[in-house]
Amino acid sequence: MQSHAYVAIVSLLALLTYFWMGLQVGRARQKTGIAAPAMTGDPLLERSIRAHHNTLEWLPLFLVPLWLFALYWNDLVAAGVGVVWIVGRVLYQLGYVKDPAKRELGFLIQALAVAVLLFGSLGRIIYVAFVTQA
């Protein structure tokens, strides 16, 4: 059985990153004095919530291809690209909370990482399913 420890660690680190972003929402609530369930009222809170939710929106686009890339290509390469995704998401969150115009670099980094994982795994699966079976 092939070990996928690297991708498992990166998957958990991605979830810890998401958890950290949730804590940042709590800190923004504390700083602004806006209690749940309110979602608006201060730009700091609104940007913190949006960065957190946007990461949730990207998690399936990241985690599924991450594992498929590891299974069909290479665990270590998938994990490396996964770390790049995490760095991109952290940069995105920090930039967005500071100023929405500063989120672009982090967004670009994580989007490129997802593209590598998504199209890399799709291409390899098609190759394995149709070319090697012919």
N, C-alpha and C. Protein backbone atom coordinates (compact mmCIF):
# COMPACT_ATOMS: atom_id res chain seq x y z
N MET A 1 0.84 -1.19 0.00
CA MET A 1 0.00 0.00 0.00
C MET A 1 0.89 1.26 0.00
N GLN A 2 0.56 2.16 -0.90
CA GLN A 2 1.33 3.40 -1.00
C GLN A 2 0.92 4.35 0.13
N SER A 3 1.91 4.92 0.77
CA SER A 3 1.65 5.89 1.83
C SER A 3 1.35 7.24 1.21
N HIS A 4 0.38 7.91 1.75
CA HIS A 4 0.04 9.27 1.32
C HIS A 4 0.13 10.20 2.52
N ALA A 5 1.15 9.98 3.33
CA ALA A 5 1.31 10.77 4.56
C ALA A 5 1.51 12.25 4.27
N TYR A 6 2.26 12.57 3.23
CA TYR A 6 2.52 13.98 2.93
C TYR A 6 1.22 14.72 2.59
N VAL A 7 0.41 14.12 1.75
CA VAL A 7 -0.85 14.75 1.36
C VAL A 7 -1.81 14.77 2.55
N ALA A 8 -1.77 13.75 3.39
CA ALA A 8 -2.62 13.75 4.59
C ALA A 8 -2.23 14.91 5.50
N ILE A 9 -0.94 15.12 5.68
CA ILE A 9 -0.47 16.23 6.53
C ILE A 9 -0.89 17.56 5.92
N VAL A 10 -0.71 17.73 4.62
CA VAL A 10 -1.09 18.99 3.97
C VAL A 10 -2.60 19.21 4.05
N SER A 11 -3.38 18.15 3.91
CA SER A 11 -4.84 18.28 4.05
C SER A 11 -5.21 18.80 5.43
N LEU A 12 -4.59 18.24 6.44
CA LEU A 12 -4.86 18.69 7.80
C LEU A 12 -4.35 20.11 8.04
N LEU A 13 -3.20 20.46 7.45
CA LEU A 13 -2.71 21.83 7.56
C LEU A 13 -3.66 22.82 6.88
N ALA A 14 -4.24 22.42 5.76
CA ALA A 14 -5.23 23.27 5.09
C ALA A 14 -6.44 23.49 5.98
N LEU A 15 -6.89 22.45 6.65
CA LEU A 15 -8.03 22.58 7.56
C LEU A 15 -7.66 23.42 8.78
N LEU A 16 -6.44 23.29 9.26
CA LEU A 16 -5.98 24.14 10.36
C LEU A 16 -5.91 25.61 9.93
N THR A 17 -5.53 25.83 8.68
CA THR A 17 -5.52 27.19 8.15
C THR A 17 -6.93 27.76 8.13
N TYR A 18 -7.88 26.95 7.71
CA TYR A 18 -9.28 27.37 7.72
C TYR A 18 -9.76 27.65 9.15
N PHE A 19 -9.36 26.82 10.08
CA PHE A 19 -9.70 27.03 11.49
C PHE A 19 -9.11 28.34 12.00
N TRP A 20 -7.85 28.61 11.64
CA TRP A 20 -7.19 29.86 12.02
C TRP A 20 -7.98 31.06 11.48
N MET A 21 -8.46 30.95 10.25
CA MET A 21 -9.25 32.04 9.67
C MET A 21 -10.54 32.25 10.45
N GLY A 22 -11.14 31.17 10.92
CA GLY A 22 -12.33 31.29 11.76
C GLY A 22 -12.02 32.02 13.05
N LEU A 23 -10.86 31.75 13.61
CA LEU A 23 -10.44 32.47 14.82
C LEU A 23 -10.24 33.95 14.53
N GLN A 24 -9.79 34.27 13.31
CA GLN A 24 -9.62 35.67 12.93
C GLN A 24 -10.97 36.38 12.86
N VAL A 25 -12.00 35.67 12.46
CA VAL A 25 -13.35 36.24 12.47
C VAL A 25 -13.75 36.54 13.91
N GLY A 26 -13.47 35.62 14.82
CA GLY A 26 -13.77 35.85 16.23
C GLY A 26 -13.01 37.06 16.78
N ARG A 27 -11.76 37.19 16.39
CA ARG A 27 -10.97 38.35 16.84
C ARG A 27 -11.55 39.65 16.28
N ALA A 28 -12.00 39.61 15.03
CA ALA A 28 -12.61 40.80 14.42
C ALA A 28 -13.90 41.15 15.14
N ARG A 29 -14.68 40.14 15.52
CA ARG A 29 -15.91 40.40 16.29
C ARG A 29 -15.57 41.05 17.62
N GLN A 30 -14.57 40.53 18.27
CA GLN A 30 -14.17 41.08 19.57
C GLN A 30 -13.67 42.51 19.41
N LYS A 31 -12.88 42.75 18.39
CA LYS A 31 -12.31 44.07 18.15
C LYS A 31 -13.39 45.10 17.80
N THR A 32 -14.39 44.68 17.02
CA THR A 32 -15.43 45.60 16.58
C THR A 32 -16.63 45.66 17.51
N GLY A 33 -16.73 44.69 18.41
CA GLY A 33 -17.87 44.65 19.32
C GLY A 33 -19.16 44.18 18.68
N ILE A 34 -19.05 43.52 17.54
CA ILE A 34 -20.24 43.02 16.83
C ILE A 34 -20.38 41.53 17.12
N ALA A 35 -21.42 41.18 17.84
CA ALA A 35 -21.64 39.79 18.24
C ALA A 35 -22.40 39.02 17.16
N ALA A 36 -22.20 37.71 17.15
CA ALA A 36 -22.96 36.84 16.27
C ALA A 36 -24.43 36.90 16.68
N PRO A 37 -25.34 36.80 15.78
CA PRO A 37 -25.20 36.34 14.40
C PRO A 37 -24.98 37.46 13.37
N ALA A 38 -24.79 38.69 13.81
CA ALA A 38 -24.59 39.78 12.86
C ALA A 38 -23.40 39.49 11.94
N MET A 39 -23.56 39.80 10.67
CA MET A 39 -22.51 39.55 9.68
C MET A 39 -21.99 40.85 9.07
N THR A 40 -22.60 41.96 9.43
CA THR A 40 -22.22 43.25 8.86
C THR A 40 -22.13 44.28 9.98
N GLY A 41 -21.61 45.44 9.60
CA GLY A 41 -21.56 46.53 10.55
C GLY A 41 -20.19 47.18 10.65
N ASP A 42 -19.16 46.47 10.26
CA ASP A 42 -17.82 47.03 10.27
C ASP A 42 -17.02 46.37 9.15
N PRO A 43 -16.29 47.15 8.35
CA PRO A 43 -15.52 46.57 7.24
C PRO A 43 -14.52 45.50 7.68
N LEU A 44 -13.89 45.64 8.83
CA LEU A 44 -12.95 44.62 9.30
C LEU A 44 -13.65 43.29 9.48
N LEU A 45 -14.80 43.30 10.12
CA LEU A 45 -15.56 42.06 10.33
C LEU A 45 -16.01 41.49 8.99
N GLU A 46 -16.53 42.32 8.14
CA GLU A 46 -17.05 41.85 6.85
C GLU A 46 -15.94 41.24 6.00
N ARG A 47 -14.77 41.85 5.97
CA ARG A 47 -13.66 41.30 5.19
C ARG A 47 -13.15 40.00 5.81
N SER A 48 -13.12 39.93 7.13
CA SER A 48 -12.68 38.69 7.80
C SER A 48 -13.63 37.54 7.49
N ILE A 49 -14.92 37.82 7.56
CA ILE A 49 -15.92 36.79 7.26
C ILE A 49 -15.81 36.36 5.80
N ARG A 50 -15.67 37.33 4.91
CA ARG A 50 -15.61 37.00 3.48
C ARG A 50 -14.36 36.17 3.15
N ALA A 51 -13.22 36.50 3.72
CA ALA A 51 -12.01 35.72 3.47
C ALA A 51 -12.17 34.29 3.99
N HIS A 52 -12.81 34.15 5.15
CA HIS A 52 -13.06 32.84 5.74
C HIS A 52 -14.00 32.03 4.86
N HIS A 53 -15.10 32.64 4.44
CA HIS A 53 -16.08 31.92 3.62
C HIS A 53 -15.52 31.60 2.23
N ASN A 54 -14.73 32.51 1.68
CA ASN A 54 -14.15 32.25 0.38
C ASN A 54 -13.22 31.04 0.43
N THR A 55 -12.52 30.88 1.53
CA THR A 55 -11.65 29.71 1.69
C THR A 55 -12.49 28.44 1.74
N LEU A 56 -13.62 28.48 2.42
CA LEU A 56 -14.51 27.33 2.45
C LEU A 56 -14.99 26.99 1.04
N GLU A 57 -15.27 28.01 0.24
CA GLU A 57 -15.71 27.78 -1.13
C GLU A 57 -14.63 27.09 -1.97
N TRP A 58 -13.37 27.36 -1.68
CA TRP A 58 -12.27 26.79 -2.44
C TRP A 58 -11.81 25.43 -1.91
N LEU A 59 -12.14 25.08 -0.68
CA LEU A 59 -11.65 23.82 -0.12
C LEU A 59 -11.98 22.58 -0.96
N PRO A 60 -13.22 22.42 -1.46
CA PRO A 60 -13.48 21.23 -2.30
C PRO A 60 -12.68 21.25 -3.60
N LEU A 61 -12.50 22.44 -4.17
CA LEU A 61 -11.72 22.57 -5.40
C LEU A 61 -10.25 22.26 -5.17
N PHE A 62 -9.82 22.36 -3.93
CA PHE A 62 -8.44 22.06 -3.57
C PHE A 62 -8.27 20.62 -3.10
N LEU A 63 -9.08 20.19 -2.14
CA LEU A 63 -8.85 18.89 -1.50
C LEU A 63 -9.07 17.70 -2.44
N VAL A 64 -10.11 17.74 -3.24
CA VAL A 64 -10.38 16.60 -4.14
C VAL A 64 -9.24 16.43 -5.15
N PRO A 65 -8.86 17.48 -5.90
CA PRO A 65 -7.75 17.28 -6.84
C PRO A 65 -6.41 17.00 -6.15
N LEU A 66 -6.23 17.52 -4.94
CA LEU A 66 -5.00 17.23 -4.19
C LEU A 66 -4.84 15.73 -4.02
N TRP A 67 -5.90 15.07 -3.57
CA TRP A 67 -5.83 13.63 -3.34
C TRP A 67 -5.77 12.85 -4.65
N LEU A 68 -6.50 13.30 -5.66
CA LEU A 68 -6.44 12.59 -6.94
C LEU A 68 -5.06 12.72 -7.57
N PHE A 69 -4.45 13.89 -7.45
CA PHE A 69 -3.09 14.07 -7.96
C PHE A 69 -2.13 13.14 -7.23
N ALA A 70 -2.28 13.04 -5.92
CA ALA A 70 -1.42 12.15 -5.14
C ALA A 70 -1.61 10.70 -5.54
N LEU A 71 -2.84 10.29 -5.79
CA LEU A 71 -3.12 8.91 -6.15
C LEU A 71 -2.65 8.56 -7.56
N TYR A 72 -2.82 9.49 -8.50
CA TYR A 72 -2.51 9.19 -9.90
C TYR A 72 -1.14 9.67 -10.36
N TRP A 73 -0.53 10.59 -9.63
CA TRP A 73 0.79 11.09 -10.00
C TRP A 73 1.80 10.80 -8.89
N ASN A 74 1.84 11.72 -7.90
CA ASN A 74 2.90 11.62 -6.90
C ASN A 74 2.48 12.35 -5.63
N ASP A 75 2.62 11.67 -4.51
CA ASP A 75 2.23 12.21 -3.21
C ASP A 75 3.05 13.43 -2.82
N LEU A 76 4.34 13.36 -3.01
CA LEU A 76 5.22 14.46 -2.59
C LEU A 76 4.99 15.72 -3.43
N VAL A 77 4.83 15.55 -4.73
CA VAL A 77 4.55 16.71 -5.60
C VAL A 77 3.21 17.31 -5.24
N ALA A 78 2.20 16.48 -5.03
CA ALA A 78 0.88 16.98 -4.63
C ALA A 78 0.98 17.76 -3.32
N ALA A 79 1.71 17.22 -2.38
CA ALA A 79 1.87 17.90 -1.09
C ALA A 79 2.58 19.25 -1.26
N GLY A 80 3.59 19.29 -2.12
CA GLY A 80 4.29 20.55 -2.36
C GLY A 80 3.37 21.60 -2.96
N VAL A 81 2.58 21.20 -3.94
CA VAL A 81 1.61 22.14 -4.53
C VAL A 81 0.56 22.52 -3.49
N GLY A 82 0.22 21.59 -2.63
CA GLY A 82 -0.73 21.89 -1.55
C GLY A 82 -0.21 22.93 -0.59
N VAL A 83 1.07 22.88 -0.27
CA VAL A 83 1.67 23.89 0.59
C VAL A 83 1.61 25.26 -0.09
N VAL A 84 1.84 25.28 -1.39
CA VAL A 84 1.73 26.54 -2.14
C VAL A 84 0.31 27.09 -2.02
N TRP A 85 -0.70 26.22 -2.12
CA TRP A 85 -2.09 26.65 -1.97
C TRP A 85 -2.32 27.27 -0.60
N ILE A 86 -1.81 26.63 0.44
CA ILE A 86 -1.99 27.15 1.80
C ILE A 86 -1.35 28.53 1.92
N VAL A 87 -0.13 28.68 1.42
CA VAL A 87 0.54 29.98 1.46
C VAL A 87 -0.30 31.02 0.73
N GLY A 88 -0.84 30.65 -0.43
CA GLY A 88 -1.69 31.58 -1.17
C GLY A 88 -2.92 31.99 -0.39
N ARG A 89 -3.54 31.02 0.29
CA ARG A 89 -4.76 31.34 1.07
C ARG A 89 -4.42 32.25 2.25
N VAL A 90 -3.30 32.03 2.89
CA VAL A 90 -2.90 32.89 4.02
C VAL A 90 -2.63 34.30 3.50
N LEU A 91 -1.91 34.42 2.40
CA LEU A 91 -1.65 35.74 1.81
C LEU A 91 -2.97 36.41 1.41
N TYR A 92 -3.88 35.62 0.87
CA TYR A 92 -5.19 36.14 0.49
C TYR A 92 -5.91 36.71 1.70
N GLN A 93 -5.96 35.94 2.77
CA GLN A 93 -6.67 36.37 3.98
C GLN A 93 -6.05 37.63 4.57
N LEU A 94 -4.74 37.62 4.71
CA LEU A 94 -4.06 38.77 5.31
C LEU A 94 -4.24 40.02 4.44
N GLY A 95 -4.13 39.85 3.13
CA GLY A 95 -4.31 40.98 2.23
C GLY A 95 -5.73 41.49 2.23
N TYR A 96 -6.69 40.58 2.16
CA TYR A 96 -8.11 40.97 2.09
C TYR A 96 -8.53 41.72 3.35
N VAL A 97 -8.12 41.24 4.50
CA VAL A 97 -8.52 41.89 5.75
C VAL A 97 -7.91 43.30 5.83
N LYS A 98 -6.69 43.42 5.35
CA LYS A 98 -6.01 44.73 5.38
C LYS A 98 -6.66 45.70 4.38
N ASP A 99 -6.83 45.24 3.15
CA ASP A 99 -7.40 46.06 2.08
C ASP A 99 -7.80 45.10 0.95
N PRO A 100 -9.07 45.06 0.56
CA PRO A 100 -9.50 44.11 -0.47
C PRO A 100 -8.67 44.15 -1.76
N ALA A 101 -8.08 45.28 -2.08
CA ALA A 101 -7.25 45.37 -3.28
C ALA A 101 -5.95 44.58 -3.12
N LYS A 102 -5.59 44.21 -1.90
CA LYS A 102 -4.34 43.49 -1.66
C LYS A 102 -4.52 41.97 -1.60
N ARG A 103 -5.66 41.48 -2.02
CA ARG A 103 -5.91 40.04 -1.98
C ARG A 103 -5.47 39.33 -3.26
N GLU A 104 -5.14 40.08 -4.29
CA GLU A 104 -4.93 39.51 -5.61
C GLU A 104 -3.77 38.53 -5.69
N LEU A 105 -2.62 38.85 -5.08
CA LEU A 105 -1.48 37.95 -5.16
C LEU A 105 -1.81 36.60 -4.53
N GLY A 106 -2.38 36.61 -3.34
CA GLY A 106 -2.75 35.37 -2.68
C GLY A 106 -3.76 34.58 -3.49
N PHE A 107 -4.72 35.28 -4.08
CA PHE A 107 -5.72 34.62 -4.90
C PHE A 107 -5.07 33.96 -6.11
N LEU A 108 -4.18 34.67 -6.77
CA LEU A 108 -3.51 34.13 -7.95
C LEU A 108 -2.67 32.90 -7.60
N ILE A 109 -1.93 32.95 -6.51
CA ILE A 109 -1.11 31.82 -6.09
C ILE A 109 -1.97 30.59 -5.84
N GLN A 110 -3.03 30.74 -5.06
CA GLN A 110 -3.85 29.57 -4.75
C GLN A 110 -4.63 29.07 -5.95
N ALA A 111 -5.06 29.98 -6.83
CA ALA A 111 -5.78 29.56 -8.03
C ALA A 111 -4.87 28.77 -8.97
N LEU A 112 -3.62 29.20 -9.11
CA LEU A 112 -2.68 28.46 -9.95
C LEU A 112 -2.38 27.09 -9.36
N ALA A 113 -2.27 27.02 -8.04
CA ALA A 113 -2.04 25.71 -7.39
C ALA A 113 -3.21 24.77 -7.65
N VAL A 114 -4.42 25.28 -7.54
CA VAL A 114 -5.60 24.46 -7.83
C VAL A 114 -5.61 24.02 -9.29
N ALA A 115 -5.26 24.92 -10.19
CA ALA A 115 -5.24 24.58 -11.61
C ALA A 115 -4.26 23.44 -11.89
N VAL A 116 -3.08 23.50 -11.28
CA VAL A 116 -2.09 22.42 -11.45
C VAL A 116 -2.66 21.10 -10.95
N LEU A 117 -3.26 21.12 -9.77
CA LEU A 117 -3.80 19.89 -9.20
C LEU A 117 -5.00 19.37 -9.99
N LEU A 118 -5.90 20.28 -10.36
CA LEU A 118 -7.12 19.89 -11.06
C LEU A 118 -6.82 19.35 -12.46
N PHE A 119 -6.10 20.12 -13.26
CA PHE A 119 -5.84 19.69 -14.63
C PHE A 119 -4.78 18.59 -14.69
N GLY A 120 -3.85 18.61 -13.74
CA GLY A 120 -2.87 17.53 -13.68
C GLY A 120 -3.51 16.20 -13.36
N SER A 121 -4.39 16.19 -12.38
CA SER A 121 -5.06 14.92 -12.02
C SER A 121 -6.03 14.50 -13.11
N LEU A 122 -6.77 15.44 -13.68
CA LEU A 122 -7.71 15.09 -14.75
C LEU A 122 -6.97 14.50 -15.95
N GLY A 123 -5.89 15.13 -16.35
CA GLY A 123 -5.12 14.62 -17.48
C GLY A 123 -4.57 13.23 -17.23
N ARG A 124 -4.07 13.02 -16.04
CA ARG A 124 -3.50 11.70 -15.72
C ARG A 124 -4.59 10.62 -15.65
N ILE A 125 -5.74 10.96 -15.09
CA ILE A 125 -6.84 10.00 -15.01
C ILE A 125 -7.31 9.63 -16.41
N ILE A 126 -7.43 10.61 -17.29
CA ILE A 126 -7.83 10.32 -18.67
C ILE A 126 -6.79 9.44 -19.35
N TYR A 127 -5.53 9.75 -19.13
CA TYR A 127 -4.45 8.94 -19.71
C TYR A 127 -4.53 7.50 -19.22
N VAL A 128 -4.66 7.32 -17.92
CA VAL A 128 -4.70 5.97 -17.34
C VAL A 128 -5.94 5.22 -17.81
N ALA A 129 -7.08 5.91 -17.86
CA ALA A 129 -8.33 5.25 -18.21
C ALA A 129 -8.44 4.89 -19.68
N PHE A 130 -7.92 5.75 -20.55
CA PHE A 130 -8.17 5.54 -21.97
C PHE A 130 -6.94 5.18 -22.80
N VAL A 131 -5.79 5.72 -22.45
CA VAL A 131 -4.60 5.46 -23.26
C VAL A 131 -3.94 4.15 -22.86
N THR A 132 -3.75 3.94 -21.56
CA THR A 132 -3.09 2.71 -21.14
C THR A 132 -3.99 1.50 -21.23
N GLN A 133 -5.29 1.70 -21.32
CA GLN A 133 -6.23 0.58 -21.42
C GLN A 133 -6.46 0.14 -22.87
N ALA A 134 -6.02 0.96 -23.79
CA ALA A 134 -6.25 0.67 -25.24
C ALA A 134 -5.36 -0.45 -25.74
